[in-house]
């Protein structure tokens, strides 16, 4: 691990501080950057995400995707956590903390909207950033791609019913433009571009040198993304830090709970570590673009629901990086002599 990666936690902390400071000092500049969007998908952030995920996608050989069938246990674990556990656990955590324990510290009229925002956040599994988290734990890239594609397919049919059930409404309006554009920008275009580039690099024998060269730029794009996300909300963070901190509590617990659940279940089922790592990360992360768009569509731009989903955006990168660190540090435990024997062995 290089010097840059070894001190990634420090760079993340600095980027958060710089982002909040710049957003507070130059709100107009970052409001303009935040406004460069189509269907609630921010284009500068999309470009940075491309810079992050294309190097990971270059590692994927479509000819080897059939081998994902060997990892069906990992797929089952992730689907269970994403669709049967995470939305419901978030509803419980939001109700307990925001509707109960923290209620005296919050604006009472906004509490139901805060909880609704958390539910919207948890009901949409992450798409693009999963490739980054998987790469940082040396995850199996074919498993990651197939799991993301499967989650996107399920999301089209399951997002609205789950949210409607938990919010107690008859139906919700899905921001289809955001969902479809996000899949196009974050999955279809980068996958096609990466596969075309991979063929050229393999023919010329330059794939490995290219991957080594791109890795620092990919991490740099991650940190610039972090600066932008916190700068977009710099004024809000400074204006209401306590509310944001309180909303963050159930999100933090939910991330660690679901990541831990997926990781432990994977170990119990004999899933290889290279699959268990991304399974835990996919199980814990959220599709925040869709959540923000849905919150704005249902409750309005200045609603408590929109604020709660934005807190999810702010929490996503630093917290997922901490999960990456935990997964990497626990590899010895996962693969140790006391681990459940692999069924294939």
Protein backbone atom coordinates (compact mmCIF):
# COMPACT_ATOMS: atom_id res chain seq x y z
CA UNK A 1 0.00 0.00 0.00
CA UNK A 2 1.45 3.34 -1.07
CA UNK A 3 1.93 6.44 1.05
CA UNK A 4 -1.17 8.06 -0.40
CA UNK A 5 -3.40 5.07 0.38
CA UNK A 6 -1.84 4.46 3.80
CA UNK A 7 -2.93 7.91 5.00
CA UNK A 8 -6.25 7.93 3.15
CA UNK A 9 -8.16 8.57 6.40
CA UNK A 10 -6.16 11.77 6.94
CA UNK A 11 -6.82 12.96 3.37
CA UNK A 12 -10.53 12.24 3.82
CA UNK A 13 -10.66 14.31 7.03
CA UNK A 14 -8.84 17.18 5.31
CA UNK A 15 -11.18 17.03 2.31
CA UNK A 16 -14.23 17.18 4.57
CA UNK A 17 -12.84 20.24 6.37
CA UNK A 18 -11.83 21.92 3.10
CA UNK A 19 -15.21 21.18 1.52
CA UNK A 20 -17.19 22.62 4.44
CA UNK A 21 -14.93 25.68 4.54
CA UNK A 22 -15.13 26.36 0.80
CA UNK A 23 -18.88 25.82 0.74
CA UNK A 24 -19.35 28.29 3.59
CA UNK A 25 -16.96 30.90 2.17
CA UNK A 26 -18.01 30.61 -1.48
CA UNK A 27 -21.62 29.41 -1.48
CA UNK A 28 -22.41 30.99 -4.85
CA UNK A 29 -19.62 29.15 -6.66
CA UNK A 30 -20.63 25.76 -5.33
CA UNK A 31 -24.34 26.47 -5.79
CA UNK A 32 -23.55 26.97 -9.48
CA UNK A 33 -21.60 23.71 -9.62
CA UNK A 34 -24.39 21.90 -7.76
CA UNK A 35 -26.87 23.31 -10.29
CA UNK A 36 -25.06 21.65 -13.20
CA UNK A 37 -27.36 18.65 -13.20
CA UNK A 38 -29.84 16.70 -15.27
CA UNK A 39 -32.73 14.97 -13.51
CA UNK A 40 -31.03 15.57 -10.14
CA UNK A 41 -27.83 13.86 -11.34
CA UNK A 42 -24.90 16.25 -10.86
CA UNK A 43 -22.71 16.20 -13.97
CA UNK A 44 -19.38 17.25 -12.36
CA UNK A 45 -19.82 14.50 -9.75
CA UNK A 46 -20.75 12.06 -12.53
CA UNK A 47 -17.47 12.85 -14.33
CA UNK A 48 -15.52 12.30 -11.13
CA UNK A 49 -17.30 8.99 -10.57
CA UNK A 50 -16.30 7.94 -14.09
CA UNK A 51 -12.69 8.71 -13.17
CA UNK A 52 -13.11 6.51 -10.10
CA UNK A 53 -14.87 3.51 -11.58
CA UNK A 54 -13.48 3.13 -15.10
CA UNK A 55 -10.12 1.78 -13.80
CA UNK A 56 -12.07 -0.81 -11.77
CA UNK A 57 -14.19 -1.74 -14.79
CA UNK A 58 -11.05 -2.25 -16.88
CA UNK A 59 -10.33 -5.28 -14.69
CA UNK A 60 -13.54 -7.01 -15.74
CA UNK A 61 -13.38 -9.68 -18.43
CA UNK A 62 -16.89 -10.28 -19.70
CA UNK A 63 -15.88 -13.76 -20.72
CA UNK A 64 -15.42 -14.61 -17.03
CA UNK A 65 -18.84 -13.35 -15.89
CA UNK A 66 -20.29 -16.85 -16.10
CA UNK A 67 -18.09 -17.75 -13.13
CA UNK A 68 -20.23 -15.55 -10.90
CA UNK A 69 -22.55 -18.55 -10.47
CA UNK A 70 -19.92 -19.95 -8.11
CA UNK A 71 -20.61 -17.02 -5.77
CA UNK A 72 -24.37 -17.54 -5.44
CA UNK A 73 -24.12 -17.51 -1.64
CA UNK A 74 -22.63 -14.01 -1.74
CA UNK A 75 -25.39 -12.88 -4.08
CA UNK A 76 -28.03 -14.34 -1.75
CA UNK A 77 -26.52 -12.60 1.30
CA UNK A 78 -26.43 -9.21 -0.41
CA UNK A 79 -29.97 -9.49 -1.74
CA UNK A 80 -31.23 -10.47 1.72
CA UNK A 81 -29.55 -7.50 3.40
CA UNK A 82 -30.42 -4.96 0.69
CA UNK A 83 -34.09 -5.83 0.28
CA UNK A 84 -35.29 -7.71 3.36
CA UNK A 85 -33.29 -6.02 6.12
CA UNK A 86 -31.95 -2.57 5.31
CA UNK A 87 -35.12 -0.54 4.59
CA UNK A 88 -36.91 -2.01 7.61
CA UNK A 89 -33.95 -1.66 9.99
CA UNK A 90 -33.63 1.99 8.94
CA UNK A 91 -37.32 2.60 9.63
CA UNK A 92 -36.88 1.16 13.12
CA UNK A 93 -33.68 3.11 13.82
CA UNK A 94 -35.15 6.36 12.50
CA UNK A 95 -38.26 5.95 14.63
CA UNK A 96 -36.28 5.06 17.75
CA UNK A 97 -33.70 7.85 17.51
CA UNK A 98 -35.41 10.71 15.67
CA UNK A 99 -38.97 9.93 16.72
CA UNK A 100 -38.05 9.08 20.31
CA UNK A 101 -34.62 9.60 21.84
CA UNK A 102 -33.67 12.77 19.93
CA UNK A 103 -37.20 14.16 19.51
CA UNK A 104 -36.80 16.93 22.15
CA UNK A 105 -33.76 18.26 20.22
CA UNK A 106 -35.49 18.41 16.83
CA UNK A 107 -38.28 20.47 15.26
CA UNK A 108 -41.27 18.26 16.00
CA UNK A 109 -43.10 19.08 12.75
CA UNK A 110 -40.12 17.85 10.73
CA UNK A 111 -39.53 14.54 12.50
CA UNK A 112 -41.83 12.44 10.25
CA UNK A 113 -40.12 13.96 7.20
CA UNK A 114 -36.66 13.16 8.59
CA UNK A 115 -37.69 9.53 9.10
CA UNK A 116 -39.19 9.40 5.60
CA UNK A 117 -35.90 10.67 4.15
CA UNK A 118 -33.98 7.93 5.95
CA UNK A 119 -36.35 5.29 4.56
CA UNK A 120 -35.91 6.64 1.02
CA UNK A 121 -32.16 6.46 1.51
CA UNK A 122 -32.15 2.87 2.75
CA UNK A 123 -34.56 1.54 0.11
CA UNK A 124 -32.14 2.23 -2.76
CA UNK A 125 -28.91 0.17 -2.86
CA UNK A 126 -25.81 1.92 -4.14
CA UNK A 127 -24.79 1.74 -7.80
CA UNK A 128 -21.61 3.41 -9.01
CA UNK A 129 -19.63 3.95 -5.81
CA UNK A 130 -19.80 0.23 -5.03
CA UNK A 131 -17.10 -0.34 -7.65
CA UNK A 132 -14.79 1.96 -5.68
CA UNK A 133 -15.44 0.24 -2.35
CA UNK A 134 -15.05 -3.21 -3.91
CA UNK A 135 -11.75 -2.26 -5.49
CA UNK A 136 -10.40 -0.93 -2.19
CA UNK A 137 -11.00 -4.32 -0.54
CA UNK A 138 -9.62 -6.27 -3.53
CA UNK A 139 -13.12 -7.54 -4.20
CA UNK A 140 -14.05 -9.92 -7.01
CA UNK A 141 -14.95 -7.44 -9.81
CA UNK A 142 -17.25 -9.79 -11.73
CA UNK A 143 -19.32 -10.45 -8.62
CA UNK A 144 -19.55 -6.70 -7.97
CA UNK A 145 -20.72 -5.89 -11.50
CA UNK A 146 -23.31 -8.68 -11.57
CA UNK A 147 -24.64 -7.74 -8.11
CA UNK A 148 -24.97 -4.05 -9.04
CA UNK A 149 -26.81 -4.97 -12.26
CA UNK A 150 -29.14 -7.28 -10.32
CA UNK A 151 -29.87 -4.61 -7.70
CA UNK A 152 -30.65 -2.07 -10.41
CA UNK A 153 -33.13 -4.48 -11.98
CA UNK A 154 -34.82 -5.23 -8.64
CA UNK A 155 -34.92 -1.53 -7.75
CA UNK A 156 -37.13 -0.78 -10.75
CA UNK A 157 -39.84 -3.05 -9.31
CA UNK A 158 -39.22 -3.02 -5.54
CA UNK A 159 -38.27 0.56 -4.62
CA UNK A 160 -41.76 2.05 -4.86
CA UNK A 161 -43.66 -0.75 -3.04
CA UNK A 162 -41.16 -0.90 -0.16
CA UNK A 163 -41.15 2.88 0.32
CA UNK A 164 -44.94 3.06 0.03
CA UNK A 165 -45.31 0.31 2.64
CA UNK A 166 -42.93 1.92 5.13
CA UNK A 167 -44.25 5.45 4.64
CA UNK A 168 -47.85 4.27 4.89
CA UNK A 169 -48.95 5.80 1.61
CA UNK A 170 -50.90 4.28 -1.25
CA UNK A 171 -48.21 4.90 -3.84
CA UNK A 172 -45.17 7.02 -4.52
CA UNK A 173 -43.89 8.75 -7.62
CA UNK A 174 -40.58 7.26 -8.70
CA UNK A 175 -38.14 9.77 -10.22
CA UNK A 176 -37.69 7.60 -13.31
CA UNK A 177 -35.47 10.14 -15.06
CA UNK A 178 -33.00 10.06 -12.18
CA UNK A 179 -33.05 6.27 -11.91
CA UNK A 180 -32.63 5.59 -15.62
CA UNK A 181 -30.10 8.36 -16.22
CA UNK A 182 -28.04 7.19 -13.25
CA UNK A 183 -27.97 3.62 -14.58
CA UNK A 184 -26.99 4.95 -18.02
CA UNK A 185 -24.27 7.28 -16.71
CA UNK A 186 -22.87 5.10 -13.95
CA UNK A 187 -23.22 1.60 -15.42
CA UNK A 188 -23.95 1.38 -19.15
CA UNK A 189 -21.62 4.08 -20.53
CA UNK A 190 -18.58 3.36 -18.31
CA UNK A 191 -18.92 -0.43 -18.77
CA UNK A 192 -19.05 -0.11 -22.57
CA UNK A 193 -16.18 2.40 -22.62
CA UNK A 194 -14.06 0.31 -20.26
CA UNK A 195 -14.58 -2.88 -22.27
CA UNK A 196 -13.59 -1.13 -25.51
CA UNK A 197 -10.47 0.29 -23.83
CA UNK A 198 -9.68 -3.08 -22.23
CA UNK A 199 -9.62 -4.84 -25.60
CA UNK A 200 -7.17 -2.28 -26.96
CA UNK A 201 -4.95 -2.46 -23.87
CA UNK A 202 -4.93 -6.26 -23.82
CA UNK A 203 -3.91 -6.38 -27.49
CA UNK A 204 -1.04 -3.98 -26.85
CA UNK A 205 0.00 -5.66 -23.59
CA UNK A 206 -0.51 -2.41 -21.65
CA UNK A 207 -3.42 -3.33 -19.38
CA UNK A 208 -1.46 -3.80 -16.14
CA UNK A 209 0.77 -0.70 -16.62
CA UNK A 210 -2.34 1.34 -17.39
CA UNK A 211 -4.15 0.11 -14.27
CA UNK A 212 -1.12 0.96 -12.12
CA UNK A 213 -0.93 4.44 -13.65
CA UNK A 214 -4.65 5.19 -13.19
CA UNK A 215 -4.96 4.03 -9.57
CA UNK A 216 -3.70 7.28 -7.92
CA UNK A 217 -5.95 9.36 -10.19
CA UNK A 218 -8.93 7.23 -9.22
CA UNK A 219 -8.33 7.88 -5.51
CA UNK A 220 -7.74 11.57 -6.20
CA UNK A 221 -11.13 11.73 -7.95
CA UNK A 222 -12.69 10.15 -4.84
CA UNK A 223 -11.23 12.89 -2.64
CA UNK A 224 -12.29 15.70 -5.00
CA UNK A 225 -15.80 14.22 -4.97
CA UNK A 226 -15.74 14.36 -1.19
CA UNK A 227 -14.74 18.05 -1.27
CA UNK A 228 -17.60 18.84 -3.65
CA UNK A 229 -20.25 16.94 -1.68
CA UNK A 230 -19.38 18.75 1.55
CA UNK A 231 -18.95 22.09 -0.21
CA UNK A 232 -22.45 21.79 -1.71
CA UNK A 233 -23.82 21.64 1.85
CA UNK A 234 -21.26 23.87 3.58
CA UNK A 235 -23.78 26.53 4.59
CA UNK A 236 -26.32 23.96 5.83
CA UNK A 237 -23.70 22.15 7.91
CA UNK A 238 -22.57 25.36 9.57
CA UNK A 239 -26.17 26.58 10.05
CA UNK A 240 -27.60 23.44 11.66
CA UNK A 241 -24.78 21.13 12.73
CA UNK A 242 -26.72 19.56 15.63
CA UNK A 243 -29.66 18.51 13.46
CA UNK A 244 -27.31 17.03 10.86
CA UNK A 245 -25.33 15.20 13.55
CA UNK A 246 -28.51 13.73 15.06
CA UNK A 247 -29.82 12.56 11.68
CA UNK A 248 -26.43 10.98 11.00
CA UNK A 249 -26.66 8.69 14.06
CA UNK A 250 -29.22 6.18 12.69
CA UNK A 251 -27.48 6.27 9.31
CA UNK A 252 -24.15 5.37 10.91
CA UNK A 253 -25.65 2.54 12.96
CA UNK A 254 -27.51 1.23 9.93
CA UNK A 255 -24.37 1.17 7.77
CA UNK A 256 -22.29 -0.72 10.33
CA UNK A 257 -25.15 -3.07 11.24
CA UNK A 258 -25.91 -4.08 7.65
CA UNK A 259 -22.26 -4.32 6.64
CA UNK A 260 -21.55 -6.47 9.69
CA UNK A 261 -24.59 -8.66 9.07
CA UNK A 262 -23.61 -9.31 5.45
CA UNK A 263 -19.99 -9.97 6.42
CA UNK A 264 -20.81 -12.41 9.23
CA UNK A 265 -23.46 -14.23 7.18
CA UNK A 266 -20.96 -14.58 4.34
CA UNK A 267 -18.44 -16.14 6.71
CA UNK A 268 -21.04 -18.51 8.13
CA UNK A 269 -21.95 -19.63 4.61
CA UNK A 270 -18.34 -20.16 3.54
CA UNK A 271 -18.18 -17.27 1.06
CA UNK A 272 -14.68 -16.35 -0.15
CA UNK A 273 -13.30 -13.14 1.38
CA UNK A 274 -12.96 -11.49 -2.05
CA UNK A 275 -16.75 -11.80 -2.36
CA UNK A 276 -17.66 -11.21 1.30
CA UNK A 277 -15.90 -7.81 1.29
CA UNK A 278 -17.91 -6.30 -1.57
CA UNK A 279 -21.05 -8.10 -0.32
CA UNK A 280 -20.76 -6.24 2.99
CA UNK A 281 -20.13 -2.94 1.25
CA UNK A 282 -22.96 -3.37 -1.26
CA UNK A 283 -25.26 -4.33 1.60
CA UNK A 284 -24.45 -1.15 3.52
CA UNK A 285 -24.17 1.61 0.90
CA UNK A 286 -26.98 3.70 -0.59
CA UNK A 287 -28.02 5.13 -3.97
CA UNK A 288 -28.14 8.68 -2.66
CA UNK A 289 -28.91 10.39 -6.00
CA UNK A 290 -32.19 8.49 -6.27
CA UNK A 291 -33.01 9.07 -2.60
CA UNK A 292 -32.45 12.83 -2.85
CA UNK A 293 -34.52 13.07 -6.04
CA UNK A 294 -37.37 11.06 -4.54
CA UNK A 295 -37.34 13.15 -1.35
CA UNK A 296 -37.50 16.41 -3.29
CA UNK A 297 -40.25 15.05 -5.54
CA UNK A 298 -42.39 13.81 -2.65
CA UNK A 299 -41.74 16.40 0.08
CA UNK A 300 -40.10 19.44 -1.53
CA UNK A 301 -36.63 20.91 -1.81
CA UNK A 302 -36.56 22.45 1.68
CA UNK A 303 -38.20 19.55 3.49
CA UNK A 304 -36.81 17.53 6.35
CA UNK A 305 -36.85 14.47 4.08
CA UNK A 306 -34.56 16.18 1.57
CA UNK A 307 -32.22 17.21 4.40
CA UNK A 308 -32.09 13.64 5.74
CA UNK A 309 -31.12 12.25 2.34
CA UNK A 310 -28.45 14.93 1.99
CA UNK A 311 -27.01 13.85 5.35
CA UNK A 312 -26.82 10.38 3.81
CA UNK A 313 -24.75 11.85 0.98
CA UNK A 314 -22.36 13.48 3.45
CA UNK A 315 -21.99 10.33 5.54
CA UNK A 316 -21.60 7.92 2.61
CA UNK A 317 -17.96 8.35 1.59
CA UNK A 318 -16.16 8.68 4.96
CA UNK A 319 -18.24 5.95 6.60
CA UNK A 320 -17.86 3.51 3.72
CA UNK A 321 -14.11 4.11 3.79
CA UNK A 322 -14.14 3.15 7.47
CA UNK A 323 -16.00 -0.06 6.55
CA UNK A 324 -13.34 -0.74 3.92
CA UNK A 325 -10.68 -0.40 6.60
CA UNK A 326 -12.54 -2.78 8.94
CA UNK A 327 -13.01 -5.39 6.21
CA UNK A 328 -9.35 -5.26 5.24
CA UNK A 329 -8.15 -5.37 8.84
CA UNK A 330 -10.37 -8.38 9.63
CA UNK A 331 -9.26 -10.57 6.73
CA UNK A 332 -7.12 -12.72 9.02
CA UNK A 333 -10.11 -13.38 11.27
CA UNK A 334 -12.35 -14.10 8.28
CA UNK A 335 -9.96 -16.59 6.70
CA UNK A 336 -8.53 -17.92 9.98
CA UNK A 337 -8.49 -21.51 11.15
CA UNK A 338 -11.70 -20.99 13.14
CA UNK A 339 -13.62 -19.81 10.09
CA UNK A 340 -16.42 -21.97 8.82
CA UNK A 341 -15.04 -24.42 6.27
CA UNK A 342 -15.74 -23.52 2.67
CA UNK A 343 -18.30 -25.83 1.19
CA UNK A 344 -16.20 -26.18 -1.94
CA UNK A 345 -13.21 -27.48 -0.03
